[in-house]
Amino acid sequence: MKVKNIREADEILALNIQSIRTVTEWATFMGYHDISFFSRRYRNHYNLVAMKRLTNMRMKQIELLMKNNRDILNYELARRVGLRDEQDLYNFVSYHRGCSPTQLKEKLVSSQS
């Protein structure tokens, strides 16, 4: 597989967020065999650590799906953002936002009203 230009990294991540769980998988999607090389190129180009971008993009996607589909099940939400199941979703959201997915959804819904 041909190595893609690092400028395409964010777009590739956004299009494949459901399939990309780790920076290693992201680097593979980009055609890189050396994760360190991908991470270094990403950091040098975007001035941001690749793992931070992956986390931010996943969190943004979770919040967007919660806002646009209030009835989405946590399992379905987890699968659509590349997490294994609702427990992974719970752990991810509680670590990065300090609340459960249900609490986050309630905050997002109340802020729209």
PDB file of N, CA and C in Angstrom:
ATOM      1  N   MET A   1       0.835  -1.181   0.000  1.00  0.00           N
ATOM      2  CA  MET A   1       0.000   0.000   0.000  1.00  0.00           C
ATOM      3  C   MET A   1       0.881   1.246   0.000  1.00  0.00           C
ATOM      4  N   LYS A   2       0.522   2.197  -0.807  1.00  0.00           N
ATOM      5  CA  LYS A   2       1.267   3.451  -0.902  1.00  0.00           C
ATOM      6  C   LYS A   2       0.999   4.313   0.331  1.00  0.00           C
ATOM      7  N   VAL A   3       2.043   4.945   0.836  1.00  0.00           N
ATOM      8  CA  VAL A   3       1.920   5.840   1.987  1.00  0.00           C
ATOM      9  C   VAL A   3       1.198   7.108   1.537  1.00  0.00           C
ATOM     10  N   LYS A   4       0.143   7.462   2.269  1.00  0.00           N
ATOM     11  CA  LYS A   4      -0.631   8.658   1.942  1.00  0.00           C
ATOM     12  C   LYS A   4       0.026   9.887   2.556  1.00  0.00           C
ATOM     13  N   ASN A   5      -0.245  11.027   1.962  1.00  0.00           N
ATOM     14  CA  ASN A   5       0.278  12.287   2.447  1.00  0.00           C
ATOM     15  C   ASN A   5      -0.273  12.564   3.844  1.00  0.00           C
ATOM     16  N   ILE A   6       0.573  13.029   4.743  1.00  0.00           N
ATOM     17  CA  ILE A   6       0.163  13.282   6.128  1.00  0.00           C
ATOM     18  C   ILE A   6      -0.964  14.312   6.198  1.00  0.00           C
ATOM     19  N   ARG A   7      -1.095  15.172   5.188  1.00  0.00           N
ATOM     20  CA  ARG A   7      -2.174  16.162   5.161  1.00  0.00           C
ATOM     21  C   ARG A   7      -3.556  15.506   5.063  1.00  0.00           C
ATOM     22  N   GLU A   8      -3.602  14.242   4.649  1.00  0.00           N
ATOM     23  CA  GLU A   8      -4.864  13.514   4.517  1.00  0.00           C
ATOM     24  C   GLU A   8      -5.261  12.782   5.796  1.00  0.00           C
ATOM     25  N   ALA A   9      -4.410  12.832   6.811  1.00  0.00           N
ATOM     26  CA  ALA A   9      -4.605  12.025   8.015  1.00  0.00           C
ATOM     27  C   ALA A   9      -5.943  12.279   8.712  1.00  0.00           C
ATOM     28  N   ASP A  10      -6.291  13.550   8.930  1.00  0.00           N
ATOM     29  CA  ASP A  10      -7.542  13.852   9.639  1.00  0.00           C
ATOM     30  C   ASP A  10      -8.761  13.407   8.837  1.00  0.00           C
ATOM     31  N   GLU A  11      -8.713  13.617   7.542  1.00  0.00           N
ATOM     32  CA  GLU A  11      -9.832  13.203   6.690  1.00  0.00           C
ATOM     33  C   GLU A  11      -9.998  11.686   6.699  1.00  0.00           C
ATOM     34  N   ILE A  12      -8.897  10.977   6.627  1.00  0.00           N
ATOM     35  CA  ILE A  12      -8.945   9.510   6.655  1.00  0.00           C
ATOM     36  C   ILE A  12      -9.478   9.028   7.994  1.00  0.00           C
ATOM     37  N   LEU A  13      -9.051   9.663   9.070  1.00  0.00           N
ATOM     38  CA  LEU A  13      -9.567   9.299  10.391  1.00  0.00           C
ATOM     39  C   LEU A  13     -11.067   9.541  10.472  1.00  0.00           C
ATOM     40  N   ALA A  14     -11.523  10.695  10.036  1.00  0.00           N
ATOM     41  CA  ALA A  14     -12.948  11.026  10.101  1.00  0.00           C
ATOM     42  C   ALA A  14     -13.790  10.033   9.297  1.00  0.00           C
ATOM     43  N   LEU A  15     -13.308   9.659   8.134  1.00  0.00           N
ATOM     44  CA  LEU A  15     -14.054   8.727   7.274  1.00  0.00           C
ATOM     45  C   LEU A  15     -14.050   7.300   7.804  1.00  0.00           C
ATOM     46  N   ASN A  16     -13.049   6.965   8.612  1.00  0.00           N
ATOM     47  CA  ASN A  16     -12.886   5.577   9.073  1.00  0.00           C
ATOM     48  C   ASN A  16     -12.907   5.445  10.590  1.00  0.00           C
ATOM     49  N   ILE A  17     -13.510   6.399  11.284  1.00  0.00           N
ATOM     50  CA  ILE A  17     -13.499   6.399  12.750  1.00  0.00           C
ATOM     51  C   ILE A  17     -14.094   5.108  13.322  1.00  0.00           C
ATOM     52  N   GLN A  18     -15.020   4.507  12.603  1.00  0.00           N
ATOM     53  CA  GLN A  18     -15.648   3.270  13.064  1.00  0.00           C
ATOM     54  C   GLN A  18     -14.656   2.108  13.046  1.00  0.00           C
ATOM     55  N   SER A  19     -13.690   2.140  12.159  1.00  0.00           N
ATOM     56  CA  SER A  19     -12.733   1.049  11.998  1.00  0.00           C
ATOM     57  C   SER A  19     -11.408   1.298  12.705  1.00  0.00           C
ATOM     58  N   ILE A  20     -11.123   2.521  13.032  1.00  0.00           N
ATOM     59  CA  ILE A  20      -9.825   2.867  13.626  1.00  0.00           C
ATOM     60  C   ILE A  20      -9.973   2.995  15.137  1.00  0.00           C
ATOM     61  N   ARG A  21      -9.340   2.077  15.861  1.00  0.00           N
ATOM     62  CA  ARG A  21      -9.397   2.104  17.323  1.00  0.00           C
ATOM     63  C   ARG A  21      -8.129   2.687  17.938  1.00  0.00           C
ATOM     64  N   THR A  22      -7.008   2.555  17.234  1.00  0.00           N
ATOM     65  CA  THR A  22      -5.722   2.962  17.792  1.00  0.00           C
ATOM     66  C   THR A  22      -4.932   3.774  16.773  1.00  0.00           C
ATOM     67  N   VAL A  23      -3.903   4.437  17.244  1.00  0.00           N
ATOM     68  CA  VAL A  23      -3.022   5.172  16.337  1.00  0.00           C
ATOM     69  C   VAL A  23      -2.319   4.198  15.399  1.00  0.00           C
ATOM     70  N   THR A  24      -2.011   3.006  15.873  1.00  0.00           N
ATOM     71  CA  THR A  24      -1.394   1.986  15.023  1.00  0.00           C
ATOM     72  C   THR A  24      -2.302   1.648  13.851  1.00  0.00           C
ATOM     73  N   GLU A  25      -3.595   1.456  14.111  1.00  0.00           N
ATOM     74  CA  GLU A  25      -4.545   1.168  13.026  1.00  0.00           C
ATOM     75  C   GLU A  25      -4.672   2.362  12.085  1.00  0.00           C
ATOM     76  N   TRP A  26      -4.625   3.556  12.636  1.00  0.00           N
ATOM     77  CA  TRP A  26      -4.692   4.772  11.827  1.00  0.00           C
ATOM     78  C   TRP A  26      -3.480   4.845  10.908  1.00  0.00           C
ATOM     79  N   ALA A  27      -2.303   4.581  11.470  1.00  0.00           N
ATOM     80  CA  ALA A  27      -1.067   4.585  10.673  1.00  0.00           C
ATOM     81  C   ALA A  27      -1.156   3.550   9.554  1.00  0.00           C
ATOM     82  N   THR A  28      -1.719   2.399   9.849  1.00  0.00           N
ATOM     83  CA  THR A  28      -1.879   1.349   8.837  1.00  0.00           C
ATOM     84  C   THR A  28      -2.814   1.818   7.728  1.00  0.00           C
ATOM     85  N   PHE A  29      -3.922   2.460   8.081  1.00  0.00           N
ATOM     86  CA  PHE A  29      -4.837   3.024   7.082  1.00  0.00           C
ATOM     87  C   PHE A  29      -4.102   4.017   6.178  1.00  0.00           C
ATOM     88  N   MET A  30      -3.137   4.711   6.758  1.00  0.00           N
ATOM     89  CA  MET A  30      -2.364   5.709   6.020  1.00  0.00           C
ATOM     90  C   MET A  30      -1.240   5.082   5.197  1.00  0.00           C
ATOM     91  N   GLY A  31      -1.000   3.784   5.396  1.00  0.00           N
ATOM     92  CA  GLY A  31       0.046   3.100   4.644  1.00  0.00           C
ATOM     93  C   GLY A  31       1.396   3.080   5.332  1.00  0.00           C
ATOM     94  N   TYR A  32       1.454   3.510   6.576  1.00  0.00           N
ATOM     95  CA  TYR A  32       2.712   3.514   7.329  1.00  0.00           C
ATOM     96  C   TYR A  32       2.901   2.180   8.036  1.00  0.00           C
ATOM     97  N   HIS A  33       4.123   1.667   8.003  1.00  0.00           N
ATOM     98  CA  HIS A  33       4.436   0.424   8.716  1.00  0.00           C
ATOM     99  C   HIS A  33       5.114   0.719  10.051  1.00  0.00           C
ATOM    100  N   ASP A  34       5.601   1.929  10.199  1.00  0.00           N
ATOM    101  CA  ASP A  34       6.300   2.333  11.415  1.00  0.00           C
ATOM    102  C   ASP A  34       5.435   3.364  12.150  1.00  0.00           C
ATOM    103  N   ILE A  35       4.847   2.947  13.265  1.00  0.00           N
ATOM    104  CA  ILE A  35       3.946   3.805  14.025  1.00  0.00           C
ATOM    105  C   ILE A  35       4.663   5.059  14.527  1.00  0.00           C
ATOM    106  N   SER A  36       5.901   4.920  14.932  1.00  0.00           N
ATOM    107  CA  SER A  36       6.654   6.075  15.429  1.00  0.00           C
ATOM    108  C   SER A  36       6.860   7.116  14.337  1.00  0.00           C
ATOM    109  N   PHE A  37       7.142   6.655  13.136  1.00  0.00           N
ATOM    110  CA  PHE A  37       7.345   7.559  12.015  1.00  0.00           C
ATOM    111  C   PHE A  37       6.048   8.312  11.705  1.00  0.00           C
ATOM    112  N   PHE A  38       4.925   7.588  11.678  1.00  0.00           N
ATOM    113  CA  PHE A  38       3.625   8.225  11.454  1.00  0.00           C
ATOM    114  C   PHE A  38       3.344   9.262  12.545  1.00  0.00           C
ATOM    115  N   SER A  39       3.519   8.865  13.791  1.00  0.00           N
ATOM    116  CA  SER A  39       3.235   9.765  14.917  1.00  0.00           C
ATOM    117  C   SER A  39       4.104  11.006  14.868  1.00  0.00           C
ATOM    118  N   ARG A  40       5.363  10.847  14.549  1.00  0.00           N
ATOM    119  CA  ARG A  40       6.279  11.977  14.464  1.00  0.00           C
ATOM    120  C   ARG A  40       5.890  12.917  13.318  1.00  0.00           C
ATOM    121  N   ARG A  41       5.580  12.343  12.165  1.00  0.00           N
ATOM    122  CA  ARG A  41       5.169  13.171  11.020  1.00  0.00           C
ATOM    123  C   ARG A  41       3.867  13.907  11.335  1.00  0.00           C
ATOM    124  N   TYR A  42       2.926  13.196  11.979  1.00  0.00           N
ATOM    125  CA  TYR A  42       1.651  13.824  12.335  1.00  0.00           C
ATOM    126  C   TYR A  42       1.895  14.998  13.287  1.00  0.00           C
ATOM    127  N   ARG A  43       2.677  14.758  14.330  1.00  0.00           N
ATOM    128  CA  ARG A  43       2.957  15.799  15.324  1.00  0.00           C
ATOM    129  C   ARG A  43       3.665  16.992  14.687  1.00  0.00           C
ATOM    130  N   ASN A  44       4.605  16.730  13.815  1.00  0.00           N
ATOM    131  CA  ASN A  44       5.333  17.816  13.166  1.00  0.00           C
ATOM    132  C   ASN A  44       4.434  18.631  12.231  1.00  0.00           C
ATOM    133  N   HIS A  45       3.505  17.963  11.562  1.00  0.00           N
ATOM    134  CA  HIS A  45       2.629  18.665  10.625  1.00  0.00           C
ATOM    135  C   HIS A  45       1.503  19.423  11.336  1.00  0.00           C
ATOM    136  N   TYR A  46       0.840  18.775  12.285  1.00  0.00           N
ATOM    137  CA  TYR A  46      -0.340  19.353  12.944  1.00  0.00           C
ATOM    138  C   TYR A  46      -0.047  20.003  14.301  1.00  0.00           C
ATOM    139  N   ASN A  47       1.180  19.799  14.814  1.00  0.00           N
ATOM    140  CA  ASN A  47       1.545  20.314  16.130  1.00  0.00           C
ATOM    141  C   ASN A  47       0.618  19.756  17.215  1.00  0.00           C
ATOM    142  N   LEU A  48       0.269  18.503  17.065  1.00  0.00           N
ATOM    143  CA  LEU A  48      -0.628  17.812  17.987  1.00  0.00           C
ATOM    144  C   LEU A  48      -0.288  16.326  17.964  1.00  0.00           C
ATOM    145  N   VAL A  49      -0.326  15.694  19.109  1.00  0.00           N
ATOM    146  CA  VAL A  49      -0.057  14.263  19.200  1.00  0.00           C
ATOM    147  C   VAL A  49      -1.218  13.495  18.555  1.00  0.00           C
ATOM    148  N   ALA A  50      -0.907  12.492  17.765  1.00  0.00           N
ATOM    149  CA  ALA A  50      -1.925  11.734  17.026  1.00  0.00           C
ATOM    150  C   ALA A  50      -2.978  11.133  17.959  1.00  0.00           C
ATOM    151  N   MET A  51      -2.558  10.623  19.097  1.00  0.00           N
ATOM    152  CA  MET A  51      -3.521  10.015  20.030  1.00  0.00           C
ATOM    153  C   MET A  51      -4.519  11.055  20.532  1.00  0.00           C
ATOM    154  N   LYS A  52      -4.063  12.264  20.746  1.00  0.00           N
ATOM    155  CA  LYS A  52      -4.952  13.342  21.196  1.00  0.00           C
ATOM    156  C   LYS A  52      -5.999  13.646  20.118  1.00  0.00           C
ATOM    157  N   ARG A  53      -5.573  13.692  18.854  1.00  0.00           N
ATOM    158  CA  ARG A  53      -6.510  13.940  17.751  1.00  0.00           C
ATOM    159  C   ARG A  53      -7.535  12.802  17.663  1.00  0.00           C
ATOM    160  N   LEU A  54      -7.062  11.575  17.773  1.00  0.00           N
ATOM    161  CA  LEU A  54      -7.961  10.422  17.713  1.00  0.00           C
ATOM    162  C   LEU A  54      -9.004  10.503  18.826  1.00  0.00           C
ATOM    163  N   THR A  55      -8.557  10.813  20.023  1.00  0.00           N
ATOM    164  CA  THR A  55      -9.464  10.940  21.168  1.00  0.00           C
ATOM    165  C   THR A  55     -10.461  12.077  20.957  1.00  0.00           C
ATOM    166  N   ASN A  56      -9.962  13.230  20.533  1.00  0.00           N
ATOM    167  CA  ASN A  56     -10.848  14.382  20.321  1.00  0.00           C
ATOM    168  C   ASN A  56     -11.880  14.111  19.232  1.00  0.00           C
ATOM    169  N   MET A  57     -11.440  13.497  18.155  1.00  0.00           N
ATOM    170  CA  MET A  57     -12.364  13.227  17.055  1.00  0.00           C
ATOM    171  C   MET A  57     -13.423  12.201  17.471  1.00  0.00           C
ATOM    172  N   ARG A  58     -13.013  11.196  18.225  1.00  0.00           N
ATOM    173  CA  ARG A  58     -13.971  10.190  18.700  1.00  0.00           C
ATOM    174  C   ARG A  58     -14.977  10.835  19.648  1.00  0.00           C
ATOM    175  N   MET A  59     -14.505  11.691  20.552  1.00  0.00           N
ATOM    176  CA  MET A  59     -15.409  12.355  21.500  1.00  0.00           C
ATOM    177  C   MET A  59     -16.374  13.279  20.769  1.00  0.00           C
ATOM    178  N   LYS A  60     -15.870  14.009  19.790  1.00  0.00           N
ATOM    179  CA  LYS A  60     -16.721  14.902  19.001  1.00  0.00           C
ATOM    180  C   LYS A  60     -17.800  14.108  18.266  1.00  0.00           C
ATOM    181  N   GLN A  61     -17.423  12.952  17.718  1.00  0.00           N
ATOM    182  CA  GLN A  61     -18.379  12.097  17.007  1.00  0.00           C
ATOM    183  C   GLN A  61     -19.435  11.552  17.970  1.00  0.00           C
ATOM    184  N   ILE A  62     -19.023  11.162  19.164  1.00  0.00           N
ATOM    185  CA  ILE A  62     -19.970  10.673  20.178  1.00  0.00           C
ATOM    186  C   ILE A  62     -20.988  11.771  20.492  1.00  0.00           C
ATOM    187  N   GLU A  63     -20.519  12.972  20.741  1.00  0.00           N
ATOM    188  CA  GLU A  63     -21.415  14.077  21.082  1.00  0.00           C
ATOM    189  C   GLU A  63     -22.346  14.422  19.923  1.00  0.00           C
ATOM    190  N   LEU A  64     -21.823  14.397  18.719  1.00  0.00           N
ATOM    191  CA  LEU A  64     -22.648  14.673  17.540  1.00  0.00           C
ATOM    192  C   LEU A  64     -23.746  13.629  17.381  1.00  0.00           C
ATOM    193  N   LEU A  65     -23.400  12.361  17.532  1.00  0.00           N
ATOM    194  CA  LEU A  65     -24.402  11.292  17.419  1.00  0.00           C
ATOM    195  C   LEU A  65     -25.452  11.402  18.533  1.00  0.00           C
ATOM    196  N   MET A  66     -25.028  11.766  19.725  1.00  0.00           N
ATOM    197  CA  MET A  66     -25.973  11.926  20.835  1.00  0.00           C
ATOM    198  C   MET A  66     -26.942  13.077  20.572  1.00  0.00           C
ATOM    199  N   LYS A  67     -26.422  14.174  20.044  1.00  0.00           N
ATOM    200  CA  LYS A  67     -27.276  15.333  19.759  1.00  0.00           C
ATOM    201  C   LYS A  67     -28.275  15.037  18.646  1.00  0.00           C
ATOM    202  N   ASN A  68     -27.808  14.355  17.610  1.00  0.00           N
ATOM    203  CA  ASN A  68     -28.644  14.124  16.429  1.00  0.00           C
ATOM    204  C   ASN A  68     -29.565  12.924  16.539  1.00  0.00           C
ATOM    205  N   ASN A  69     -29.306  12.038  17.478  1.00  0.00           N
ATOM    206  CA  ASN A  69     -30.119  10.841  17.622  1.00  0.00           C
ATOM    207  C   ASN A  69     -30.262  10.524  19.111  1.00  0.00           C
ATOM    208  N   ARG A  70     -31.213  11.163  19.730  1.00  0.00           N
ATOM    209  CA  ARG A  70     -31.391  11.044  21.181  1.00  0.00           C
ATOM    210  C   ARG A  70     -31.755   9.633  21.633  1.00  0.00           C
ATOM    211  N   ASP A  71     -32.296   8.830  20.737  1.00  0.00           N
ATOM    212  CA  ASP A  71     -32.728   7.483  21.101  1.00  0.00           C
ATOM    213  C   ASP A  71     -31.689   6.412  20.805  1.00  0.00           C
ATOM    214  N   ILE A  72     -30.497   6.808  20.384  1.00  0.00           N
ATOM    215  CA  ILE A  72     -29.481   5.826  20.039  1.00  0.00           C
ATOM    216  C   ILE A  72     -29.063   5.034  21.281  1.00  0.00           C
ATOM    217  N   LEU A  73     -28.957   3.738  21.109  1.00  0.00           N
ATOM    218  CA  LEU A  73     -28.522   2.875  22.207  1.00  0.00           C
ATOM    219  C   LEU A  73     -27.019   3.034  22.401  1.00  0.00           C
ATOM    220  N   ASN A  74     -26.576   2.903  23.635  1.00  0.00           N
ATOM    221  CA  ASN A  74     -25.150   3.053  23.914  1.00  0.00           C
ATOM    222  C   ASN A  74     -24.305   2.030  23.161  1.00  0.00           C
ATOM    223  N   TYR A  75     -24.808   0.816  22.994  1.00  0.00           N
ATOM    224  CA  TYR A  75     -24.066  -0.199  22.248  1.00  0.00           C
ATOM    225  C   TYR A  75     -23.880   0.247  20.790  1.00  0.00           C
ATOM    226  N   GLU A  76     -24.958   0.702  20.171  1.00  0.00           N
ATOM    227  CA  GLU A  76     -24.883   1.160  18.779  1.00  0.00           C
ATOM    228  C   GLU A  76     -23.952   2.365  18.664  1.00  0.00           C
ATOM    229  N   LEU A  77     -24.052   3.280  19.599  1.00  0.00           N
ATOM    230  CA  LEU A  77     -23.188   4.453  19.611  1.00  0.00           C
ATOM    231  C   LEU A  77     -21.719   4.032  19.705  1.00  0.00           C
ATOM    232  N   ALA A  78     -21.430   3.120  20.605  1.00  0.00           N
ATOM    233  CA  ALA A  78     -20.060   2.624  20.767  1.00  0.00           C
ATOM    234  C   ALA A  78     -19.529   2.037  19.462  1.00  0.00           C
ATOM    235  N   ARG A  79     -20.315   1.202  18.831  1.00  0.00           N
ATOM    236  CA  ARG A  79     -19.885   0.550  17.588  1.00  0.00           C
ATOM    237  C   ARG A  79     -19.659   1.572  16.471  1.00  0.00           C
ATOM    238  N   ARG A  80     -20.458   2.616  16.441  1.00  0.00           N
ATOM    239  CA  ARG A  80     -20.341   3.621  15.367  1.00  0.00           C
ATOM    240  C   ARG A  80     -19.128   4.524  15.518  1.00  0.00           C
ATOM    241  N   VAL A  81     -18.524   4.527  16.690  1.00  0.00           N
ATOM    242  CA  VAL A  81     -17.323   5.335  16.889  1.00  0.00           C
ATOM    243  C   VAL A  81     -16.079   4.480  17.130  1.00  0.00           C
ATOM    244  N   GLY A  82     -16.178   3.191  16.829  1.00  0.00           N
ATOM    245  CA  GLY A  82     -15.005   2.329  16.901  1.00  0.00           C
ATOM    246  C   GLY A  82     -14.700   1.725  18.258  1.00  0.00           C
ATOM    247  N   LEU A  83     -15.669   1.746  19.165  1.00  0.00           N
ATOM    248  CA  LEU A  83     -15.484   1.104  20.463  1.00  0.00           C
ATOM    249  C   LEU A  83     -16.169  -0.251  20.453  1.00  0.00           C
ATOM    250  N   ARG A  84     -15.732  -1.148  21.325  1.00  0.00           N
ATOM    251  CA  ARG A  84     -16.241  -2.530  21.308  1.00  0.00           C
ATOM    252  C   ARG A  84     -17.701  -2.646  21.728  1.00  0.00           C
ATOM    253  N   ASP A  85     -18.054  -1.962  22.815  1.00  0.00           N
ATOM    254  CA  ASP A  85     -19.395  -2.121  23.369  1.00  0.00           C
ATOM    255  C   ASP A  85     -19.708  -0.966  24.309  1.00  0.00           C
ATOM    256  N   GLU A  86     -20.863  -1.056  24.979  1.00  0.00           N
ATOM    257  CA  GLU A  86     -21.298   0.026  25.845  1.00  0.00           C
ATOM    258  C   GLU A  86     -20.378   0.214  27.053  1.00  0.00           C
ATOM    259  N   GLN A  87     -19.719  -0.840  27.507  1.00  0.00           N
ATOM    260  CA  GLN A  87     -18.768  -0.706  28.616  1.00  0.00           C
ATOM    261  C   GLN A  87     -17.552   0.113  28.182  1.00  0.00           C
ATOM    262  N   ASP A  88     -17.056  -0.136  26.973  1.00  0.00           N
ATOM    263  CA  ASP A  88     -15.966   0.677  26.418  1.00  0.00           C
ATOM    264  C   ASP A  88     -16.400   2.139  26.297  1.00  0.00           C
ATOM    265  N   LEU A  89     -17.634   2.349  25.841  1.00  0.00           N
ATOM    266  CA  LEU A  89     -18.171   3.701  25.715  1.00  0.00           C
ATOM    267  C   LEU A  89     -18.224   4.367  27.087  1.00  0.00           C
ATOM    268  N   TYR A  90     -18.738   3.658  28.076  1.00  0.00           N
ATOM    269  CA  TYR A  90     -18.821   4.197  29.431  1.00  0.00           C
ATOM    270  C   TYR A  90     -17.433   4.592  29.939  1.00  0.00           C
ATOM    271  N   ASN A  91     -16.464   3.694  29.791  1.00  0.00           N
ATOM    272  CA  ASN A  91     -15.105   3.966  30.264  1.00  0.00           C
ATOM    273  C   ASN A  91     -14.495   5.164  29.533  1.00  0.00           C
ATOM    274  N   PHE A  92     -14.695   5.235  28.225  1.00  0.00           N
ATOM    275  CA  PHE A  92     -14.143   6.315  27.416  1.00  0.00           C
ATOM    276  C   PHE A  92     -14.740   7.663  27.824  1.00  0.00           C
ATOM    277  N   VAL A  93     -16.059   7.725  27.873  1.00  0.00           N
ATOM    278  CA  VAL A  93     -16.739   8.990  28.200  1.00  0.00           C
ATOM    279  C   VAL A  93     -16.446   9.405  29.643  1.00  0.00           C
ATOM    280  N   SER A  94     -16.509   8.476  30.571  1.00  0.00           N
ATOM    281  CA  SER A  94     -16.271   8.857  31.967  1.00  0.00           C
ATOM    282  C   SER A  94     -14.827   9.322  32.170  1.00  0.00           C
ATOM    283  N   TYR A  95     -13.879   8.739  31.457  1.00  0.00           N
ATOM    284  CA  TYR A  95     -12.486   9.164  31.574  1.00  0.00           C
ATOM    285  C   TYR A  95     -12.280  10.562  30.978  1.00  0.00           C
ATOM    286  N   HIS A  96     -12.862  10.798  29.814  1.00  0.00           N
ATOM    287  CA  HIS A  96     -12.608  12.056  29.107  1.00  0.00           C
ATOM    288  C   HIS A  96     -13.577  13.186  29.457  1.00  0.00           C
ATOM    289  N   ARG A  97     -14.756  12.877  29.966  1.00  0.00           N
ATOM    290  CA  ARG A  97     -15.722  13.927  30.308  1.00  0.00           C
ATOM    291  C   ARG A  97     -16.143  13.911  31.778  1.00  0.00           C
ATOM    292  N   GLY A  98     -15.769  12.876  32.517  1.00  0.00           N
ATOM    293  CA  GLY A  98     -16.075  12.833  33.945  1.00  0.00           C
ATOM    294  C   GLY A  98     -17.524  12.541  34.267  1.00  0.00           C
ATOM    295  N   CYS A  99     -18.243  11.944  33.321  1.00  0.00           N
ATOM    296  CA  CYS A  99     -19.638  11.576  33.559  1.00  0.00           C
ATOM    297  C   CYS A  99     -19.971  10.350  32.706  1.00  0.00           C
ATOM    298  N   SER A 100     -21.105   9.769  32.958  1.00  0.00           N
ATOM    299  CA  SER A 100     -21.532   8.602  32.178  1.00  0.00           C
ATOM    300  C   SER A 100     -22.066   9.063  30.819  1.00  0.00           C
ATOM    301  N   PRO A 101     -22.163   8.156  29.857  1.00  0.00           N
ATOM    302  CA  PRO A 101     -22.765   8.526  28.574  1.00  0.00           C
ATOM    303  C   PRO A 101     -24.183   9.076  28.725  1.00  0.00           C
ATOM    304  N   THR A 102     -24.954   8.508  29.622  1.00  0.00           N
ATOM    305  CA  THR A 102     -26.322   8.975  29.840  1.00  0.00           C
ATOM    306  C   THR A 102     -26.323  10.407  30.372  1.00  0.00           C
ATOM    307  N   GLN A 103     -25.441  10.699  31.315  1.00  0.00           N
ATOM    308  CA  GLN A 103     -25.342  12.057  31.856  1.00  0.00           C
ATOM    309  C   GLN A 103     -24.880  13.038  30.779  1.00  0.00           C
ATOM    310  N   LEU A 104     -23.938  12.613  29.955  1.00  0.00           N
ATOM    311  CA  LEU A 104     -23.466  13.472  28.874  1.00  0.00           C
ATOM    312  C   LEU A 104     -24.596  13.765  27.900  1.00  0.00           C
ATOM    313  N   LYS A 105     -25.364  12.734  27.567  1.00  0.00           N
ATOM    314  CA  LYS A 105     -26.493  12.916  26.644  1.00  0.00           C
ATOM    315  C   LYS A 105     -27.502  13.895  27.228  1.00  0.00           C
ATOM    316  N   GLU A 106     -27.780  13.774  28.517  1.00  0.00           N
ATOM    317  CA  GLU A 106     -28.718  14.689  29.173  1.00  0.00           C
ATOM    318  C   GLU A 106     -28.202  16.130  29.134  1.00  0.00           C
ATOM    319  N   LYS A 107     -26.901  16.321  29.360  1.00  0.00           N
ATOM    320  CA  LYS A 107     -26.305  17.654  29.294  1.00  0.00           C
ATOM    321  C   LYS A 107     -26.417  18.234  27.891  1.00  0.00           C
ATOM    322  N   LEU A 108     -26.143  17.414  26.890  1.00  0.00           N
ATOM    323  CA  LEU A 108     -26.202  17.879  25.514  1.00  0.00           C
ATOM    324  C   LEU A 108     -27.619  18.241  25.092  1.00  0.00           C
ATOM    325  N   VAL A 109     -28.575  17.411  25.495  1.00  0.00           N
ATOM    326  CA  VAL A 109     -29.978  17.656  25.160  1.00  0.00           C
ATOM    327  C   VAL A 109     -30.480  18.908  25.867  1.00  0.00           C
ATOM    328  N   SER A 110     -30.121  19.077  27.140  1.00  0.00           N
ATOM    329  CA  SER A 110     -30.597  20.262  27.878  1.00  0.00           C
ATOM    330  C   SER A 110     -29.947  21.547  27.346  1.00  0.00           C
ATOM    331  N   SER A 111     -28.734  21.458  26.845  1.00  0.00           N
ATOM    332  CA  SER A 111     -28.086  22.655  26.305  1.00  0.00           C
ATOM    333  C   SER A 111     -28.654  23.062  24.941  1.00  0.00           C
ATOM    334  N   GLN A 112     -29.342  22.136  24.267  1.00  0.00           N
ATOM    335  CA  GLN A 112     -29.992  22.455  22.990  1.00  0.00           C
ATOM    336  C   GLN A 112     -31.335  23.132  23.175  1.00  0.00           C
ATOM    337  N   SER A 113     -31.928  22.918  24.341  1.00  0.00           N
ATOM    338  CA  SER A 113     -33.279  23.452  24.594  1.00  0.00           C
ATOM    339  C   SER A 113     -33.280  24.916  24.864  1.00  0.00           C
TER     340      SER A 113
END
